[in-house]
Protein backbone atom coordinates (compact mmCIF):
# COMPACT_ATOMS: atom_id res chain seq x y z
CA MET A 1 0.01 0.12 0.00
CA ALA A 2 1.54 3.27 -1.05
CA ARG A 3 1.86 5.92 1.73
CA SER A 4 0.42 9.33 1.01
CA LYS A 5 2.19 12.50 1.79
CA SER A 6 1.01 14.36 4.76
CA SER A 7 1.21 18.04 4.84
CA ASN A 8 4.15 17.83 7.39
CA ASP A 9 6.22 15.71 4.86
CA GLN A 10 5.52 18.26 2.14
CA LYS A 11 6.41 21.14 4.40
CA HIS A 12 9.40 19.67 6.36
CA GLY A 13 10.73 17.25 3.89
CA LYS A 14 10.50 13.43 3.73
CA LEU A 15 10.52 11.70 7.19
CA SER A 16 14.00 10.25 7.87
CA ARG A 17 14.53 6.64 8.55
CA LYS A 18 17.80 7.29 10.25
CA ARG A 19 18.54 5.84 13.70
CA ILE A 20 17.80 8.10 16.73
CA THR A 21 19.65 7.03 19.89
CA VAL A 22 18.22 8.02 23.23
CA HIS A 23 20.65 8.19 26.39
CA GLU A 24 19.31 8.93 29.77
CA ARG A 25 21.29 11.33 32.04
CA LYS A 26 20.78 13.98 34.49
CA LEU A 27 20.71 17.32 32.75
CA GLY A 28 20.42 19.78 35.86
CA LYS A 29 23.49 21.40 34.94
CA GLU A 30 22.20 22.14 31.35
CA LYS A 31 18.87 23.43 32.96
CA ALA A 32 17.02 20.98 30.61
CA VAL A 33 14.92 17.91 30.69
CA GLY A 34 15.86 16.85 27.12
CA LEU A 35 18.40 17.80 24.45
CA ALA A 36 18.40 16.76 20.79
CA TYR A 37 21.55 16.56 18.53
CA TYR A 38 20.53 16.07 14.88
CA ASP A 39 23.19 14.29 12.85
CA PHE A 40 25.23 13.78 15.99
CA TYR A 41 26.89 10.67 14.72
CA GLY A 42 26.91 11.71 10.86
CA GLY A 43 24.93 9.99 8.29
CA GLY A 44 21.70 11.51 9.72
CA LYS A 45 22.09 9.50 12.92
CA SER A 46 20.88 11.63 15.79
CA LEU A 47 21.10 11.66 19.46
CA ILE A 48 18.53 12.56 22.24
CA GLU A 49 19.54 13.00 25.92
CA ILE A 50 16.74 12.83 28.38
CA ASP A 51 16.67 13.47 32.06
CA PRO A 52 15.23 10.32 33.57
CA ARG A 53 14.08 12.16 36.76
CA GLN A 54 10.79 12.95 34.98
CA GLY A 55 7.48 11.51 35.73
CA SER A 56 5.99 9.27 33.04
CA LYS A 57 3.88 11.84 31.36
CA ASP A 58 6.63 14.61 31.37
CA TYR A 59 9.07 11.90 30.10
CA LEU A 60 6.81 10.90 27.16
CA ASP A 61 6.32 14.83 26.36
CA THR A 62 9.94 15.44 26.35
CA LEU A 63 10.83 12.26 24.32
CA ILE A 64 8.32 13.29 21.67
CA HIS A 65 9.58 16.93 21.60
CA GLU A 66 13.09 16.01 21.21
CA ALA A 67 12.42 13.37 18.59
CA LEU A 68 10.46 15.93 16.48
CA HIS A 69 13.45 18.06 16.52
CA THR A 70 15.76 15.39 15.10
CA ILE A 71 13.10 14.09 12.58
CA TYR A 72 12.21 17.62 11.33
CA PRO A 73 15.25 19.85 12.09
CA ASP A 74 13.79 22.60 10.27
CA MET A 75 10.39 22.57 12.34
CA SER A 76 9.88 25.82 14.29
CA GLU A 77 9.96 25.51 18.17
CA THR A 78 6.29 26.69 18.11
CA GLU A 79 5.33 23.84 15.76
CA VAL A 80 7.27 21.33 17.75
CA HIS A 81 5.65 22.47 20.92
CA LYS A 82 2.17 22.35 19.50
CA THR A 83 2.59 18.91 17.90
CA THR A 84 4.29 17.57 20.96
CA GLY A 85 1.27 18.43 23.09
CA ARG A 86 -1.14 16.80 20.54
CA LEU A 87 0.88 13.62 20.26
CA ALA A 88 1.45 13.29 23.97
CA ARG A 89 -2.18 13.73 24.91
CA LEU A 90 -3.12 11.02 22.23
CA ILE A 91 -0.53 8.49 23.46
CA TRP A 92 -1.37 9.06 26.99
CA ARG A 93 -5.06 8.52 26.52
CA GLN A 94 -4.38 5.42 24.87
CA GLY A 95 -2.71 4.13 28.11
CA TYR A 96 0.93 4.70 27.62
CA ARG A 97 2.69 4.72 30.88
CA ARG A 98 6.54 4.42 31.46
CA ILE A 99 7.55 1.57 33.78
CA GLN A 100 10.88 2.04 35.45
CA GLU A 101 12.77 -0.93 36.54
């Protein structure tokens, strides 16, 4: 089945299938809960650093936010923020919960 282009695909370029690595580390010194590094490893491979001290819902929000920055590096912060909220609410309503070991 062919995938149709969404308005985001057209607006921000084709969705990248490159690998995104997620590392957890305390980011208090950086005064951030998440950081995104597009093409950190070269070849389009990106890195997300996320502070694991967040609650489940905030962690989800941060992960989506930083992932959008790496997938759509030209997306404005306003668009990232708005899209993050919509996706996080949808996924949360569907029962996502982070289980820490």
